N, C-alpha and C. Protein backbone atom coordinates (compact mmCIF):
# COMPACT_ATOMS: atom_id res chain seq x y z
N MET A 1 1.07 -1.54 0.05
CA MET A 1 -0.36 -0.12 -0.09
C MET A 1 0.96 1.32 0.19
N LYS A 2 0.34 2.25 -0.87
CA LYS A 2 1.65 3.47 -1.30
C LYS A 2 0.73 4.58 0.01
N THR A 3 1.69 5.39 0.26
CA THR A 3 0.87 6.26 1.27
C THR A 3 0.56 7.80 0.25
N TYR A 4 -0.70 7.96 0.52
CA TYR A 4 -1.39 8.99 -0.51
C TYR A 4 -0.67 10.43 -0.57
N SER A 5 -0.33 11.08 -1.60
CA SER A 5 0.17 12.30 -1.19
C SER A 5 -0.63 13.12 -2.30
N ALA A 6 -1.37 14.40 -2.08
CA ALA A 6 -2.05 15.05 -3.03
C ALA A 6 -1.34 16.02 -4.04
N LYS A 7 -1.68 16.30 -5.13
CA LYS A 7 -1.68 17.10 -6.09
C LYS A 7 -2.13 18.26 -6.09
N PRO A 8 -1.30 19.58 -6.59
CA PRO A 8 -1.98 20.67 -6.30
C PRO A 8 -3.13 20.54 -7.29
N SER A 9 -3.74 19.72 -8.34
CA SER A 9 -4.92 19.94 -9.09
C SER A 9 -5.81 19.32 -8.16
N GLU A 10 -5.35 18.33 -7.40
CA GLU A 10 -6.83 17.56 -6.37
C GLU A 10 -7.28 18.47 -5.41
N ILE A 11 -6.30 19.54 -5.27
CA ILE A 11 -6.97 20.01 -3.85
C ILE A 11 -8.20 21.02 -4.23
N GLU A 12 -9.01 20.65 -3.19
CA GLU A 12 -10.21 21.87 -3.10
C GLU A 12 -10.35 22.59 -2.10
N LYS A 13 -9.95 23.92 -2.40
CA LYS A 13 -10.32 24.74 -1.21
C LYS A 13 -11.73 25.45 -1.29
N LYS A 14 -12.31 25.38 0.19
CA LYS A 14 -13.53 26.15 0.38
C LYS A 14 -13.71 27.11 0.79
N TRP A 15 -14.11 28.12 1.19
CA TRP A 15 -13.86 29.34 2.12
C TRP A 15 -15.11 29.17 3.01
N TYR A 16 -15.05 29.74 4.13
CA TYR A 16 -15.74 30.04 5.59
C TYR A 16 -15.33 31.25 6.17
N VAL A 17 -16.68 31.65 6.81
CA VAL A 17 -16.79 32.75 7.53
C VAL A 17 -17.01 32.61 9.02
N ILE A 18 -16.34 33.22 10.01
CA ILE A 18 -16.25 33.14 11.31
C ILE A 18 -16.60 34.08 12.20
N ASP A 19 -17.61 34.24 12.94
CA ASP A 19 -17.79 35.74 13.57
C ASP A 19 -17.32 35.00 14.96
N ALA A 20 -16.38 35.92 15.11
CA ALA A 20 -15.44 35.85 16.46
C ALA A 20 -16.09 36.60 17.52
N GLU A 21 -16.96 37.02 17.41
CA GLU A 21 -17.88 37.88 18.59
C GLU A 21 -17.96 36.63 19.52
N GLY A 22 -17.71 36.93 20.97
CA GLY A 22 -17.55 35.89 21.92
C GLY A 22 -17.13 34.87 22.14
N LEU A 23 -16.14 34.80 21.27
CA LEU A 23 -15.33 33.24 21.30
C LEU A 23 -14.02 33.69 22.13
N VAL A 24 -13.54 32.49 22.65
CA VAL A 24 -12.25 32.35 23.36
C VAL A 24 -11.01 32.74 21.87
N LEU A 25 -10.46 33.57 22.57
CA LEU A 25 -9.16 33.62 21.30
C LEU A 25 -8.37 32.45 20.67
N GLY A 26 -8.00 31.65 21.78
CA GLY A 26 -6.88 30.50 21.92
C GLY A 26 -7.79 29.01 21.20
N ARG A 27 -8.77 29.12 21.68
CA ARG A 27 -9.65 28.08 21.46
C ARG A 27 -10.06 28.58 19.65
N MET A 28 -10.53 29.53 19.59
CA MET A 28 -10.64 29.70 18.00
C MET A 28 -9.47 29.50 16.96
N ALA A 29 -8.20 30.35 17.60
CA ALA A 29 -7.20 30.21 16.89
C ALA A 29 -6.74 28.84 16.68
N ALA A 30 -7.15 27.80 17.45
CA ALA A 30 -6.53 26.46 17.60
C ALA A 30 -7.56 25.91 16.04
N VAL A 31 -8.63 26.10 16.16
CA VAL A 31 -9.69 25.47 15.11
C VAL A 31 -9.31 26.29 13.77
N ILE A 32 -8.99 27.61 13.75
CA ILE A 32 -8.73 28.39 12.31
C ILE A 32 -7.21 27.45 11.98
N ALA A 33 -6.44 27.58 12.67
CA ALA A 33 -4.81 26.86 12.22
C ALA A 33 -5.21 25.43 11.65
N ARG A 34 -6.39 24.63 12.26
CA ARG A 34 -6.26 23.12 11.86
C ARG A 34 -6.60 23.20 10.51
N MET A 35 -7.47 24.28 10.39
CA MET A 35 -8.27 24.59 9.06
C MET A 35 -7.35 24.94 7.64
N LEU A 36 -6.70 26.10 8.12
CA LEU A 36 -5.60 26.77 7.29
C LEU A 36 -4.83 25.25 6.92
N ARG A 37 -4.37 24.69 8.05
CA ARG A 37 -3.20 23.88 7.37
C ARG A 37 -4.20 22.97 6.26
N GLY A 38 -5.53 22.22 6.83
CA GLY A 38 -5.71 21.04 5.91
C GLY A 38 -5.97 19.91 6.63
N LYS A 39 -5.82 20.04 8.05
CA LYS A 39 -5.77 18.70 8.76
C LYS A 39 -6.96 17.94 8.78
N HIS A 40 -8.12 18.81 8.54
CA HIS A 40 -9.67 18.19 8.79
C HIS A 40 -9.69 17.44 7.40
N LYS A 41 -9.21 17.56 6.58
CA LYS A 41 -9.66 16.82 5.39
C LYS A 41 -8.69 15.20 5.40
N PRO A 42 -9.42 14.71 5.08
CA PRO A 42 -8.87 13.18 4.59
C PRO A 42 -7.42 13.20 3.45
N SER A 43 -7.29 14.28 2.40
CA SER A 43 -6.56 14.33 1.89
C SER A 43 -5.40 14.99 2.34
N PHE A 44 -5.16 15.15 3.74
CA PHE A 44 -4.22 16.19 3.98
C PHE A 44 -2.45 15.63 3.42
N THR A 45 -1.88 16.76 3.11
CA THR A 45 -0.92 16.21 2.86
C THR A 45 0.48 17.24 3.52
N PRO A 46 1.52 17.06 4.26
CA PRO A 46 2.12 17.72 5.07
C PRO A 46 2.83 18.99 4.24
N HIS A 47 2.90 18.73 3.06
CA HIS A 47 4.15 19.50 2.57
C HIS A 47 3.15 20.01 1.31
N MET A 48 2.08 20.36 1.21
CA MET A 48 0.97 20.93 0.45
C MET A 48 0.61 22.10 1.11
N ASP A 49 -0.10 22.68 0.59
CA ASP A 49 -1.08 24.45 1.06
C ASP A 49 -2.31 23.52 0.49
N CYS A 50 -3.21 22.57 1.52
CA CYS A 50 -4.32 21.85 1.25
C CYS A 50 -5.60 22.62 2.35
N GLY A 51 -5.26 23.40 2.99
CA GLY A 51 -6.40 24.08 3.79
C GLY A 51 -7.13 24.95 2.99
N ASP A 52 -7.92 25.41 3.86
CA ASP A 52 -8.96 26.45 3.41
C ASP A 52 -8.93 27.77 3.42
N ASN A 53 -9.74 28.41 2.72
CA ASN A 53 -9.51 30.25 2.79
C ASN A 53 -10.67 30.40 4.44
N ILE A 54 -9.88 31.35 5.08
CA ILE A 54 -11.03 31.66 6.33
C ILE A 54 -11.26 33.24 6.34
N VAL A 55 -12.20 33.62 6.59
CA VAL A 55 -12.55 34.71 6.87
C VAL A 55 -13.35 35.06 8.36
N ILE A 56 -12.62 36.02 8.93
CA ILE A 56 -12.90 36.09 10.36
C ILE A 56 -13.59 37.62 10.40
N ILE A 57 -14.87 37.83 11.06
CA ILE A 57 -15.46 39.29 11.31
C ILE A 57 -15.99 39.21 12.79
N ASN A 58 -15.55 40.54 12.83
CA ASN A 58 -16.03 41.16 14.63
C ASN A 58 -14.66 40.75 15.28
N ALA A 59 -13.54 40.77 14.86
CA ALA A 59 -12.05 40.46 15.35
C ALA A 59 -11.94 41.23 16.76
N GLU A 60 -12.64 42.31 17.08
CA GLU A 60 -12.31 43.36 18.24
C GLU A 60 -13.24 43.06 19.15
N LYS A 61 -13.97 42.18 18.85
CA LYS A 61 -15.21 41.12 20.17
C LYS A 61 -14.79 39.96 20.61
N VAL A 62 -13.29 39.34 20.58
CA VAL A 62 -13.12 38.31 20.48
C VAL A 62 -12.68 38.23 22.37
N LYS A 63 -12.87 37.18 22.76
CA LYS A 63 -12.85 37.25 24.58
C LYS A 63 -11.41 36.78 25.01
N LEU A 64 -11.34 36.80 26.36
CA LEU A 64 -10.00 36.21 26.59
C LEU A 64 -10.40 35.52 27.74
N THR A 65 -9.74 34.74 28.42
CA THR A 65 -9.84 34.27 30.01
C THR A 65 -9.16 34.64 30.90
N GLY A 66 -9.18 34.40 32.47
CA GLY A 66 -8.58 34.92 33.12
C GLY A 66 -8.30 36.51 33.09
N LYS A 67 -7.07 36.90 33.55
CA LYS A 67 -6.31 38.38 33.66
C LYS A 67 -5.95 38.41 32.26
N LYS A 68 -5.99 37.94 31.37
CA LYS A 68 -4.96 38.05 30.04
C LYS A 68 -5.04 39.50 29.58
N LEU A 69 -6.46 40.03 29.90
CA LEU A 69 -6.42 41.49 28.98
C LEU A 69 -5.41 42.47 29.76
N THR A 70 -5.36 42.32 30.93
CA THR A 70 -4.35 43.30 31.66
C THR A 70 -2.95 42.46 32.01
N ASP A 71 -2.76 41.19 31.85
CA ASP A 71 -1.22 40.61 32.04
C ASP A 71 -0.53 40.26 31.13
N LYS A 72 -1.58 39.70 30.12
CA LYS A 72 -0.46 39.08 28.71
C LYS A 72 0.01 40.35 27.92
N VAL A 73 1.48 40.32 27.83
CA VAL A 73 2.11 41.24 27.12
C VAL A 73 2.85 40.74 25.80
N TYR A 74 2.65 41.43 24.55
CA TYR A 74 3.15 41.23 23.24
C TYR A 74 4.39 42.15 23.36
N THR A 75 5.36 41.66 23.04
CA THR A 75 6.64 42.22 22.87
C THR A 75 7.24 42.38 21.83
N ARG A 76 7.63 43.73 20.84
CA ARG A 76 8.74 43.65 19.92
C ARG A 76 9.60 44.65 20.03
N HIS A 77 10.69 44.56 19.01
CA HIS A 77 11.58 44.93 18.82
C HIS A 77 12.07 45.94 17.58
N THR A 78 12.05 47.45 18.25
CA THR A 78 12.26 48.17 16.64
C THR A 78 13.31 48.44 16.00
N GLY A 79 14.41 47.45 16.61
CA GLY A 79 15.88 47.34 15.57
C GLY A 79 16.80 48.21 16.10
N HIS A 80 16.64 49.51 17.16
CA HIS A 80 17.31 50.24 17.26
C HIS A 80 17.78 49.77 18.91
N PRO A 81 19.02 50.29 19.41
CA PRO A 81 18.97 50.38 20.81
C PRO A 81 17.98 50.64 21.55
N GLY A 82 17.90 49.85 22.63
CA GLY A 82 16.64 50.37 23.63
C GLY A 82 15.36 50.32 22.86
N GLY A 83 15.14 49.47 22.17
CA GLY A 83 13.71 49.80 21.15
C GLY A 83 12.82 48.82 21.22
N ILE A 84 12.65 48.22 22.75
CA ILE A 84 11.69 47.34 23.10
C ILE A 84 10.51 47.86 23.00
N ARG A 85 9.61 47.53 22.59
CA ARG A 85 8.14 47.85 22.71
C ARG A 85 7.07 47.00 23.31
N ARG A 86 6.47 47.15 24.50
CA ARG A 86 5.31 46.38 24.84
C ARG A 86 4.15 46.93 25.22
N LYS A 87 3.05 45.76 24.72
CA LYS A 87 1.80 46.10 24.50
C LYS A 87 0.84 45.24 25.36
N THR A 88 -0.06 45.63 26.04
CA THR A 88 -0.84 44.42 26.57
C THR A 88 -1.97 43.97 26.00
N VAL A 89 -2.89 42.85 25.95
CA VAL A 89 -3.72 42.41 25.05
C VAL A 89 -4.89 43.73 25.35
N GLY A 90 -4.95 44.30 25.87
CA GLY A 90 -5.95 45.53 26.53
C GLY A 90 -5.81 46.32 25.53
N ASN A 91 -4.71 46.76 25.58
CA ASN A 91 -3.92 48.10 24.49
C ASN A 91 -4.43 47.50 23.20
N ILE A 92 -3.68 46.32 22.59
CA ILE A 92 -4.30 46.06 21.35
C ILE A 92 -5.56 45.93 20.72
N LEU A 93 -6.63 45.11 21.32
CA LEU A 93 -7.83 45.39 21.42
C LEU A 93 -8.65 46.58 21.42
N SER A 94 -8.39 47.61 21.66
CA SER A 94 -8.83 48.81 21.92
C SER A 94 -7.82 50.16 20.94
N GLY A 95 -7.01 49.42 20.42
CA GLY A 95 -6.33 50.18 19.52
C GLY A 95 -6.81 49.88 18.18
N LYS A 96 -5.82 50.69 17.29
CA LYS A 96 -6.32 50.81 15.90
C LYS A 96 -6.29 49.65 14.91
N ARG A 97 -5.60 48.40 15.38
CA ARG A 97 -5.87 47.36 14.72
C ARG A 97 -6.42 46.29 15.37
N PRO A 98 -7.04 45.95 16.28
CA PRO A 98 -7.39 44.76 16.88
C PRO A 98 -7.27 43.56 16.57
N GLU A 99 -7.64 43.66 14.87
CA GLU A 99 -7.54 42.16 14.17
C GLU A 99 -6.22 41.31 14.22
N GLN A 100 -5.12 42.40 14.67
CA GLN A 100 -3.81 42.13 14.92
C GLN A 100 -3.50 41.03 15.90
N LEU A 101 -4.30 40.98 16.71
CA LEU A 101 -4.74 39.90 18.05
C LEU A 101 -4.62 38.66 17.60
N VAL A 102 -5.63 38.44 16.52
CA VAL A 102 -6.01 37.09 16.19
C VAL A 102 -5.22 36.60 15.10
N ILE A 103 -4.95 37.61 14.25
CA ILE A 103 -3.66 36.92 13.50
C ILE A 103 -2.08 36.82 14.32
N LYS A 104 -1.86 36.89 14.97
CA LYS A 104 -0.79 36.59 16.02
C LYS A 104 -1.37 35.25 16.41
N ALA A 105 -2.60 35.26 17.13
CA ALA A 105 -2.73 33.94 17.62
C ALA A 105 -2.41 32.75 16.83
N VAL A 106 -3.12 33.33 15.47
CA VAL A 106 -3.21 31.92 14.59
C VAL A 106 -2.08 31.66 13.48
N GLU A 107 -1.01 32.98 13.67
CA GLU A 107 0.11 32.59 12.94
C GLU A 107 1.62 31.45 13.80
N ARG A 108 1.01 32.12 15.11
CA ARG A 108 2.08 31.30 15.91
C ARG A 108 1.66 29.69 16.05
N MET A 109 0.78 29.60 15.48
CA MET A 109 0.17 27.64 15.75
C MET A 109 0.44 27.03 14.38
N LEU A 110 0.73 27.92 13.64
CA LEU A 110 1.18 27.35 12.30
C LEU A 110 2.60 27.14 12.07
N PRO A 111 2.93 26.31 11.10
CA PRO A 111 4.23 26.05 10.64
C PRO A 111 5.53 27.13 10.60
N LEU A 112 6.67 27.40 10.84
CA LEU A 112 7.71 28.39 10.40
C LEU A 112 8.33 28.03 8.79
N GLY A 113 8.31 29.10 8.19
CA GLY A 113 8.72 28.72 7.18
C GLY A 113 7.73 29.17 5.69
N PRO A 114 8.21 28.83 4.80
CA PRO A 114 7.54 29.12 3.25
C PRO A 114 6.09 28.79 3.21
N LEU A 115 5.81 27.25 3.74
CA LEU A 115 4.25 26.73 3.82
C LEU A 115 3.59 27.38 4.57
N GLY A 116 4.17 27.72 6.03
CA GLY A 116 3.43 28.69 6.91
C GLY A 116 2.92 30.11 6.59
N ARG A 117 4.00 30.80 5.77
CA ARG A 117 3.36 31.74 5.09
C ARG A 117 2.47 31.79 4.16
N ARG A 118 2.56 30.75 3.39
CA ARG A 118 1.59 30.66 2.51
C ARG A 118 0.00 30.66 2.85
N GLN A 119 0.29 29.61 4.07
CA GLN A 119 -1.21 29.15 4.48
C GLN A 119 -1.80 30.47 5.50
N MET A 120 -0.62 31.15 5.99
CA MET A 120 -1.10 32.53 6.50
C MET A 120 -2.10 33.34 5.45
N LYS A 121 -1.95 33.69 4.39
CA LYS A 121 -2.49 33.98 3.10
C LYS A 121 -3.88 33.94 3.03
N ASN A 122 -4.06 32.50 3.31
CA ASN A 122 -5.65 32.12 3.19
C ASN A 122 -6.42 32.53 4.37
N LEU A 123 -5.97 33.33 5.24
CA LEU A 123 -6.72 33.92 6.44
C LEU A 123 -6.94 35.61 6.20
N LYS A 124 -8.26 35.67 6.60
CA LYS A 124 -8.99 37.09 6.13
C LYS A 124 -9.31 37.66 7.43
N VAL A 125 -8.64 38.47 8.19
CA VAL A 125 -9.37 39.40 9.47
C VAL A 125 -10.12 40.67 9.93
N PHE A 126 -11.46 41.00 9.79
CA PHE A 126 -12.03 42.28 9.78
C PHE A 126 -12.39 42.29 11.05
N SER A 127 -12.39 43.92 11.35
CA SER A 127 -12.81 44.27 12.47
C SER A 127 -14.42 44.18 12.70
N GLY A 128 -14.71 44.89 11.84
CA GLY A 128 -16.16 44.84 11.72
C GLY A 128 -16.80 43.48 11.36
N SER A 129 -18.26 43.76 10.81
CA SER A 129 -19.21 42.73 10.49
C SER A 129 -19.27 42.73 8.91
N LYS A 130 -18.39 43.35 8.03
CA LYS A 130 -18.82 43.59 6.61
C LYS A 130 -17.27 42.74 6.42
N HIS A 131 -17.16 42.19 5.20
CA HIS A 131 -15.59 41.71 4.29
C HIS A 131 -16.50 41.86 3.21
N PRO A 132 -15.22 42.12 2.42
CA PRO A 132 -15.33 41.90 0.62
C PRO A 132 -15.39 40.56 -0.08
N HIS A 133 -15.65 39.87 0.69
CA HIS A 133 -15.35 38.17 0.12
C HIS A 133 -16.95 37.67 0.18
N GLU A 134 -17.61 38.40 -0.17
CA GLU A 134 -18.87 38.20 -0.37
C GLU A 134 -19.02 37.10 -1.92
N ALA A 135 -18.68 37.69 -2.74
CA ALA A 135 -18.49 37.01 -4.17
C ALA A 135 -17.96 35.27 -4.00
N GLN A 136 -17.22 34.88 -3.19
CA GLN A 136 -16.84 33.40 -2.69
C GLN A 136 -17.85 32.79 -2.04
N LYS A 137 -18.66 33.26 -1.44
CA LYS A 137 -19.99 32.59 -1.17
C LYS A 137 -19.51 31.66 0.44
N PRO A 138 -19.20 32.32 1.14
CA PRO A 138 -18.37 31.53 2.03
C PRO A 138 -19.31 30.66 3.18
N GLU A 139 -18.96 29.86 3.62
CA GLU A 139 -20.40 29.21 4.55
C GLU A 139 -19.96 29.68 5.89
N ALA A 140 -20.78 29.72 6.54
CA ALA A 140 -20.56 30.17 8.10
C ALA A 140 -20.13 28.58 8.85
N LEU A 141 -19.16 29.07 9.61
CA LEU A 141 -18.65 27.95 10.57
C LEU A 141 -19.18 28.35 11.93
N ASP A 142 -19.66 27.83 12.75
CA ASP A 142 -20.16 28.33 14.24
C ASP A 142 -19.05 27.39 15.26
N ILE A 143 -18.29 28.23 15.36
CA ILE A 143 -17.14 27.63 16.73
C ILE A 143 -17.82 26.94 17.76
N ALA A 144 -18.75 28.18 18.13
CA ALA A 144 -19.08 27.89 19.49
C ALA A 144 -20.05 26.89 19.62
N ALA A 145 -20.48 26.49 18.58
CA ALA A 145 -21.46 25.19 18.64
C ALA A 145 -20.21 24.09 18.70
N MET A 146 -19.33 24.12 18.54
CA MET A 146 -18.21 22.39 18.89
C MET A 146 -18.47 22.34 20.36
N ASN A 147 -18.09 23.18 20.65
CA ASN A 147 -18.08 22.70 22.71
C ASN A 147 -18.32 24.43 23.37
N ASP A 148 -18.86 23.73 24.30
CA ASP A 148 -19.21 24.84 25.42
C ASP A 148 -18.51 25.99 25.73
N LYS A 149 -17.10 25.44 26.02
CA LYS A 149 -15.72 26.17 26.47
C LYS A 149 -15.59 27.37 25.41
N ASN A 150 -15.95 27.01 23.68
CA ASN A 150 -15.39 28.21 23.01
C ASN A 150 -15.95 29.17 23.14
N ARG A 151 -16.95 29.33 23.82
CA ARG A 151 -17.94 30.64 24.20
C ARG A 151 -17.51 31.38 25.43
N ARG A 152 -17.50 32.47 25.43
CA ARG A 152 -17.24 33.23 26.69
C ARG A 152 -18.24 34.34 26.89
N SER A 153 -19.17 34.31 27.75
CA SER A 153 -20.74 34.91 27.58
C SER A 153 -20.12 36.40 28.34
N VAL A 154 -19.40 36.25 29.58
CA VAL A 154 -19.06 37.78 30.07
C VAL A 154 -17.88 37.98 29.68
């Protein structure tokens, strides 16, 4: 018996839209990373981009558990001496680009390298409830219904 390896012509990509309002960030990111990778398909091939396209709306309304809003800190460096910049999750969500929080959470669950960068291009994240991908007819994916812990009410 031979191991199946999908060819680029055999890969079928679907479009999904996810409403992030009230969803727990880490649990949502884990489901999205799995779908971007293509691990939910029986034809999964590790070295091919066989994942689906994901559109996330209402990214600014994502929830976090515990005290992560004030205690979790994202650090970056400008490249200049003394250029360390820190932002809390609360500052990111109330800032100009709250969708960056969702993007970083998913990005850190994908493999490093060219394949991971290619799979990240299949992720589209928007702060509001509108998105420009209606022409692709994305299916609604209800992550909150998968598990009770995926939704945070307060």
